[in-house]
């Protein structure tokens, strides 16, 4: 029998992402940007890219394990990891789109 996908765990992960985004927003709004804070932004964005990459690798590995017949991996786990990777990639893509739009707006203001 197939176990249902837990929406509670997915919602909990989304809440964690929201909390992290709020922390990042609070840190960036704490004052004006200086050269040191620019480096922090670079670190935050590079860690976001690393997390997205890890999520995609985990999804790929779980899919390979399921395809090879590993008994420890269920279809629900594979689907959950694939959805996590998709959501994290979509979040990163939206952040990139907002940054590009803000950059274009700054260029047009000059």
N, C-alpha and C. Protein backbone atom coordinates (compact mmCIF):
# COMPACT_ATOMS: atom_id res chain seq x y z
N UNK A 1 0.83 -1.19 0.00
CA UNK A 1 0.00 0.00 0.00
C UNK A 1 0.88 1.25 0.00
N UNK A 2 0.49 2.24 -0.72
CA UNK A 2 1.25 3.48 -0.83
C UNK A 2 0.85 4.41 0.31
N UNK A 3 1.86 4.90 1.02
CA UNK A 3 1.62 5.86 2.10
C UNK A 3 1.35 7.23 1.50
N UNK A 4 0.43 8.00 2.10
CA UNK A 4 0.18 9.35 1.58
C UNK A 4 1.36 10.28 1.87
N UNK A 5 1.56 11.23 1.00
CA UNK A 5 2.62 12.22 1.19
C UNK A 5 2.19 13.16 2.30
N UNK A 6 3.08 13.39 3.23
CA UNK A 6 2.77 14.22 4.39
C UNK A 6 2.83 15.69 4.02
N UNK A 7 1.68 16.32 4.04
CA UNK A 7 1.65 17.75 3.74
C UNK A 7 2.21 18.56 4.91
N UNK A 8 2.15 17.97 6.11
CA UNK A 8 2.66 18.68 7.29
C UNK A 8 4.17 18.90 7.18
N UNK A 9 4.89 17.88 6.72
CA UNK A 9 6.35 18.04 6.61
C UNK A 9 6.71 19.04 5.51
N UNK A 10 5.95 19.04 4.42
CA UNK A 10 6.20 20.00 3.36
C UNK A 10 5.91 21.42 3.84
N UNK A 11 4.82 21.59 4.59
CA UNK A 11 4.49 22.91 5.14
C UNK A 11 5.54 23.36 6.15
N UNK A 12 6.06 22.43 6.94
CA UNK A 12 7.09 22.78 7.91
C UNK A 12 8.35 23.26 7.20
N UNK A 13 8.70 22.63 6.10
CA UNK A 13 9.88 23.06 5.36
C UNK A 13 9.65 24.43 4.73
N UNK A 14 8.46 24.68 4.23
CA UNK A 14 8.16 26.00 3.67
C UNK A 14 8.23 27.07 4.75
N UNK A 15 7.78 26.75 5.96
CA UNK A 15 7.86 27.70 7.07
C UNK A 15 9.31 27.98 7.43
N UNK A 16 10.17 26.95 7.37
CA UNK A 16 11.59 27.16 7.64
C UNK A 16 12.19 28.09 6.60
N UNK A 17 11.83 27.90 5.33
CA UNK A 17 12.33 28.78 4.27
C UNK A 17 11.84 30.20 4.49
N UNK A 18 10.58 30.35 4.86
CA UNK A 18 10.04 31.68 5.11
C UNK A 18 10.75 32.35 6.27
N UNK A 19 11.01 31.60 7.33
CA UNK A 19 11.73 32.14 8.48
C UNK A 19 13.14 32.57 8.11
N UNK A 20 13.80 31.76 7.30
CA UNK A 20 15.15 32.11 6.86
C UNK A 20 15.13 33.35 5.99
N UNK A 21 14.15 33.45 5.11
CA UNK A 21 14.04 34.63 4.26
C UNK A 21 13.76 35.87 5.11
N UNK A 22 12.96 35.73 6.16
CA UNK A 22 12.69 36.86 7.05
C UNK A 22 13.95 37.29 7.78
N UNK A 23 14.75 36.31 8.21
CA UNK A 23 16.01 36.64 8.88
C UNK A 23 16.95 37.40 7.94
N UNK A 24 17.02 36.95 6.70
CA UNK A 24 17.89 37.60 5.73
C UNK A 24 17.39 39.02 5.46
N UNK A 25 16.07 39.17 5.34
CA UNK A 25 15.50 40.49 5.10
C UNK A 25 15.74 41.41 6.29
N UNK A 26 15.63 40.88 7.51
CA UNK A 26 15.86 41.69 8.71
C UNK A 26 17.32 42.11 8.79
N UNK A 27 18.22 41.21 8.44
CA UNK A 27 19.64 41.55 8.46
C UNK A 27 19.97 42.63 7.44
N UNK A 28 19.36 42.55 6.26
CA UNK A 28 19.67 43.52 5.22
C UNK A 28 19.02 44.88 5.49
N UNK A 29 17.90 44.90 6.23
CA UNK A 29 17.25 46.17 6.51
C UNK A 29 17.74 46.80 7.80
N UNK A 30 18.71 46.19 8.47
CA UNK A 30 19.21 46.72 9.74
C UNK A 30 20.02 47.99 9.56
N UNK A 31 20.44 48.27 8.37
CA UNK A 31 21.22 49.49 8.13
C UNK A 31 21.61 49.59 6.69
N UNK A 32 22.38 50.60 6.36
CA UNK A 32 22.85 50.79 4.99
C UNK A 32 23.86 49.72 4.61
N UNK A 33 24.02 49.51 3.35
CA UNK A 33 24.98 48.51 2.88
C UNK A 33 26.38 49.09 2.88
N UNK A 34 27.29 48.35 3.42
CA UNK A 34 28.70 48.71 3.35
C UNK A 34 29.42 47.61 2.59
N UNK A 35 30.71 47.76 2.41
CA UNK A 35 31.46 46.74 1.67
C UNK A 35 31.41 45.41 2.38
N UNK A 36 31.45 45.39 3.70
CA UNK A 36 31.39 44.15 4.46
C UNK A 36 30.04 43.45 4.29
N UNK A 37 28.97 44.23 4.24
CA UNK A 37 27.65 43.63 4.07
C UNK A 37 27.45 43.11 2.66
N UNK A 38 28.12 43.71 1.68
CA UNK A 38 28.05 43.19 0.32
C UNK A 38 28.63 41.79 0.25
N UNK A 39 29.70 41.58 1.00
CA UNK A 39 30.30 40.24 1.05
C UNK A 39 29.34 39.26 1.71
N UNK A 40 28.58 39.71 2.72
CA UNK A 40 27.59 38.85 3.34
C UNK A 40 26.52 38.44 2.34
N UNK A 41 26.08 39.37 1.51
CA UNK A 41 25.08 39.05 0.50
C UNK A 41 25.62 37.99 -0.45
N UNK A 42 26.88 38.14 -0.83
CA UNK A 42 27.50 37.15 -1.71
C UNK A 42 27.51 35.78 -1.04
N UNK A 43 27.84 35.74 0.24
CA UNK A 43 27.86 34.47 0.97
C UNK A 43 26.46 33.87 1.08
N UNK A 44 25.47 34.70 1.34
CA UNK A 44 24.10 34.21 1.45
C UNK A 44 23.63 33.64 0.11
N UNK A 45 23.89 34.34 -0.96
CA UNK A 45 23.44 33.88 -2.27
C UNK A 45 24.20 32.62 -2.70
N UNK A 46 25.49 32.57 -2.42
CA UNK A 46 26.25 31.37 -2.79
C UNK A 46 25.82 30.17 -1.95
N UNK A 47 25.46 30.39 -0.68
CA UNK A 47 24.96 29.28 0.14
C UNK A 47 23.59 28.82 -0.35
N UNK A 48 22.77 29.75 -0.84
CA UNK A 48 21.47 29.38 -1.41
C UNK A 48 21.68 28.51 -2.65
N UNK A 49 22.62 28.87 -3.48
CA UNK A 49 22.91 28.08 -4.68
C UNK A 49 23.41 26.69 -4.28
N UNK A 50 24.25 26.63 -3.27
CA UNK A 50 24.77 25.35 -2.80
C UNK A 50 23.65 24.46 -2.27
N UNK A 51 22.73 25.05 -1.51
CA UNK A 51 21.60 24.29 -0.98
C UNK A 51 20.71 23.76 -2.09
N UNK A 52 20.47 24.57 -3.10
CA UNK A 52 19.65 24.13 -4.24
C UNK A 52 20.36 22.98 -4.96
N UNK A 53 21.65 23.10 -5.14
CA UNK A 53 22.41 22.04 -5.79
C UNK A 53 22.35 20.75 -4.99
N UNK A 54 22.49 20.84 -3.67
CA UNK A 54 22.42 19.65 -2.83
C UNK A 54 21.04 19.01 -2.89
N UNK A 55 19.98 19.83 -2.89
CA UNK A 55 18.63 19.29 -2.97
C UNK A 55 18.42 18.56 -4.29
N UNK A 56 18.94 19.11 -5.37
CA UNK A 56 18.80 18.45 -6.67
C UNK A 56 19.61 17.16 -6.73
N UNK A 57 20.79 17.15 -6.12
CA UNK A 57 21.59 15.93 -6.09
C UNK A 57 20.92 14.85 -5.25
N UNK A 58 20.32 15.25 -4.12
CA UNK A 58 19.61 14.28 -3.28
C UNK A 58 18.43 13.68 -4.03
N UNK A 59 17.70 14.51 -4.75
CA UNK A 59 16.57 14.02 -5.53
C UNK A 59 17.04 13.06 -6.61
N UNK A 60 18.13 13.40 -7.27
CA UNK A 60 18.68 12.54 -8.31
C UNK A 60 19.14 11.20 -7.74
N UNK A 61 19.84 11.26 -6.60
CA UNK A 61 20.31 10.03 -5.97
C UNK A 61 19.16 9.14 -5.52
N UNK A 62 18.12 9.75 -4.95
CA UNK A 62 16.98 8.94 -4.51
C UNK A 62 16.25 8.32 -5.70
N UNK A 63 16.19 9.04 -6.82
CA UNK A 63 15.56 8.51 -8.01
C UNK A 63 16.38 7.33 -8.55
N UNK A 64 17.70 7.47 -8.54
CA UNK A 64 18.57 6.38 -8.99
C UNK A 64 18.42 5.16 -8.08
N UNK A 65 18.34 5.41 -6.76
CA UNK A 65 18.16 4.30 -5.82
C UNK A 65 16.86 3.58 -6.05
N UNK A 66 15.80 4.32 -6.30
CA UNK A 66 14.50 3.70 -6.56
C UNK A 66 14.54 2.90 -7.86
N UNK A 67 15.19 3.46 -8.87
CA UNK A 67 15.27 2.77 -10.16
C UNK A 67 16.12 1.49 -10.07
N UNK A 68 17.12 1.49 -9.17
CA UNK A 68 17.96 0.31 -9.04
C UNK A 68 17.33 -0.76 -8.16
N UNK A 69 16.18 -0.46 -7.57
CA UNK A 69 15.46 -1.45 -6.77
C UNK A 69 15.82 -1.47 -5.31
N UNK A 70 16.40 -0.39 -4.81
CA UNK A 70 16.75 -0.30 -3.39
C UNK A 70 15.48 -0.36 -2.56
N UNK A 71 15.42 -1.28 -1.62
CA UNK A 71 14.21 -1.49 -0.80
C UNK A 71 14.02 -0.41 0.25
N UNK A 72 15.08 0.34 0.56
CA UNK A 72 14.99 1.37 1.60
C UNK A 72 14.37 2.67 1.09
N UNK A 73 14.20 2.81 -0.21
CA UNK A 73 13.69 4.05 -0.79
C UNK A 73 12.26 3.81 -1.28
N UNK A 74 11.36 4.69 -0.85
CA UNK A 74 9.97 4.60 -1.30
C UNK A 74 9.68 5.66 -2.34
N UNK A 75 8.63 5.43 -3.09
CA UNK A 75 8.24 6.39 -4.12
C UNK A 75 7.86 7.73 -3.49
N UNK A 76 7.30 7.70 -2.30
CA UNK A 76 6.91 8.94 -1.62
C UNK A 76 8.13 9.78 -1.28
N UNK A 77 9.21 9.12 -0.82
CA UNK A 77 10.43 9.86 -0.50
C UNK A 77 11.02 10.49 -1.75
N UNK A 78 10.98 9.75 -2.85
CA UNK A 78 11.53 10.27 -4.10
C UNK A 78 10.72 11.49 -4.56
N UNK A 79 9.40 11.37 -4.53
CA UNK A 79 8.55 12.48 -4.95
C UNK A 79 8.75 13.69 -4.04
N UNK A 80 8.87 13.44 -2.74
CA UNK A 80 9.08 14.54 -1.79
C UNK A 80 10.41 15.25 -2.06
N UNK A 81 11.47 14.49 -2.30
CA UNK A 81 12.77 15.11 -2.56
C UNK A 81 12.77 15.86 -3.89
N UNK A 82 12.05 15.33 -4.87
CA UNK A 82 11.96 16.03 -6.15
C UNK A 82 11.19 17.33 -6.00
N UNK A 83 10.13 17.32 -5.22
CA UNK A 83 9.36 18.54 -4.98
C UNK A 83 10.17 19.56 -4.19
N UNK A 84 10.93 19.09 -3.21
CA UNK A 84 11.79 20.00 -2.45
C UNK A 84 12.81 20.67 -3.36
N UNK A 85 13.40 19.89 -4.24
CA UNK A 85 14.38 20.45 -5.17
C UNK A 85 13.72 21.45 -6.10
N UNK A 86 12.50 21.14 -6.55
CA UNK A 86 11.79 22.04 -7.45
C UNK A 86 11.42 23.36 -6.76
N UNK A 87 10.95 23.26 -5.52
CA UNK A 87 10.57 24.47 -4.78
C UNK A 87 11.80 25.33 -4.49
N UNK A 88 12.90 24.70 -4.09
CA UNK A 88 14.11 25.49 -3.79
C UNK A 88 14.67 26.13 -5.06
N UNK A 89 14.60 25.42 -6.19
CA UNK A 89 15.07 26.01 -7.45
C UNK A 89 14.16 27.17 -7.86
N UNK A 90 12.86 27.00 -7.69
CA UNK A 90 11.92 28.08 -8.04
C UNK A 90 12.16 29.31 -7.18
N UNK A 91 12.44 29.10 -5.90
CA UNK A 91 12.74 30.22 -5.00
C UNK A 91 13.99 30.95 -5.45
N UNK A 92 15.04 30.19 -5.78
CA UNK A 92 16.28 30.80 -6.24
C UNK A 92 16.06 31.56 -7.54
N UNK A 93 15.27 31.00 -8.43
CA UNK A 93 14.99 31.66 -9.71
C UNK A 93 14.23 32.97 -9.50
N UNK A 94 13.26 32.98 -8.58
CA UNK A 94 12.52 34.21 -8.30
C UNK A 94 13.42 35.27 -7.70
N UNK A 95 14.33 34.86 -6.81
CA UNK A 95 15.27 35.81 -6.23
C UNK A 95 16.14 36.41 -7.32
N UNK A 96 16.63 35.56 -8.21
CA UNK A 96 17.45 36.05 -9.33
C UNK A 96 16.67 37.03 -10.20
N UNK A 97 15.41 36.68 -10.51
CA UNK A 97 14.59 37.57 -11.34
C UNK A 97 14.37 38.92 -10.68
N UNK A 98 14.15 38.92 -9.36
CA UNK A 98 13.97 40.19 -8.64
C UNK A 98 15.25 41.00 -8.65
N UNK A 99 16.38 40.34 -8.49
CA UNK A 99 17.66 41.06 -8.52
C UNK A 99 17.94 41.66 -9.89
N UNK A 100 17.65 40.91 -10.94
CA UNK A 100 17.86 41.43 -12.30
C UNK A 100 16.93 42.62 -12.56
N UNK A 101 15.68 42.52 -12.10
CA UNK A 101 14.73 43.62 -12.29
C UNK A 101 15.19 44.87 -11.53
N UNK A 102 15.68 44.67 -10.30
CA UNK A 102 16.17 45.80 -9.51
C UNK A 102 17.40 46.42 -10.17
N UNK A 103 18.28 45.60 -10.71
CA UNK A 103 19.47 46.10 -11.40
C UNK A 103 19.09 46.91 -12.63
N UNK A 104 18.14 46.40 -13.40
CA UNK A 104 17.68 47.13 -14.58
C UNK A 104 17.03 48.47 -14.21
N UNK A 105 16.30 48.46 -13.10
CA UNK A 105 15.66 49.69 -12.63
C UNK A 105 16.72 50.71 -12.21
N UNK A 106 17.77 50.24 -11.55
CA UNK A 106 18.85 51.15 -11.16
C UNK A 106 19.55 51.72 -12.39
N UNK A 107 19.76 50.90 -13.39
CA UNK A 107 20.40 51.39 -14.61
C UNK A 107 19.55 52.43 -15.32
N UNK A 108 18.25 52.21 -15.35
CA UNK A 108 17.38 53.16 -16.03
C UNK A 108 17.24 54.46 -15.23
N UNK A 109 17.44 54.42 -13.91
CA UNK A 109 17.36 55.61 -13.08
C UNK A 109 18.56 56.52 -13.29
N UNK A 110 19.67 55.96 -13.72
CA UNK A 110 20.87 56.76 -13.93
C UNK A 110 20.73 57.44 -15.23
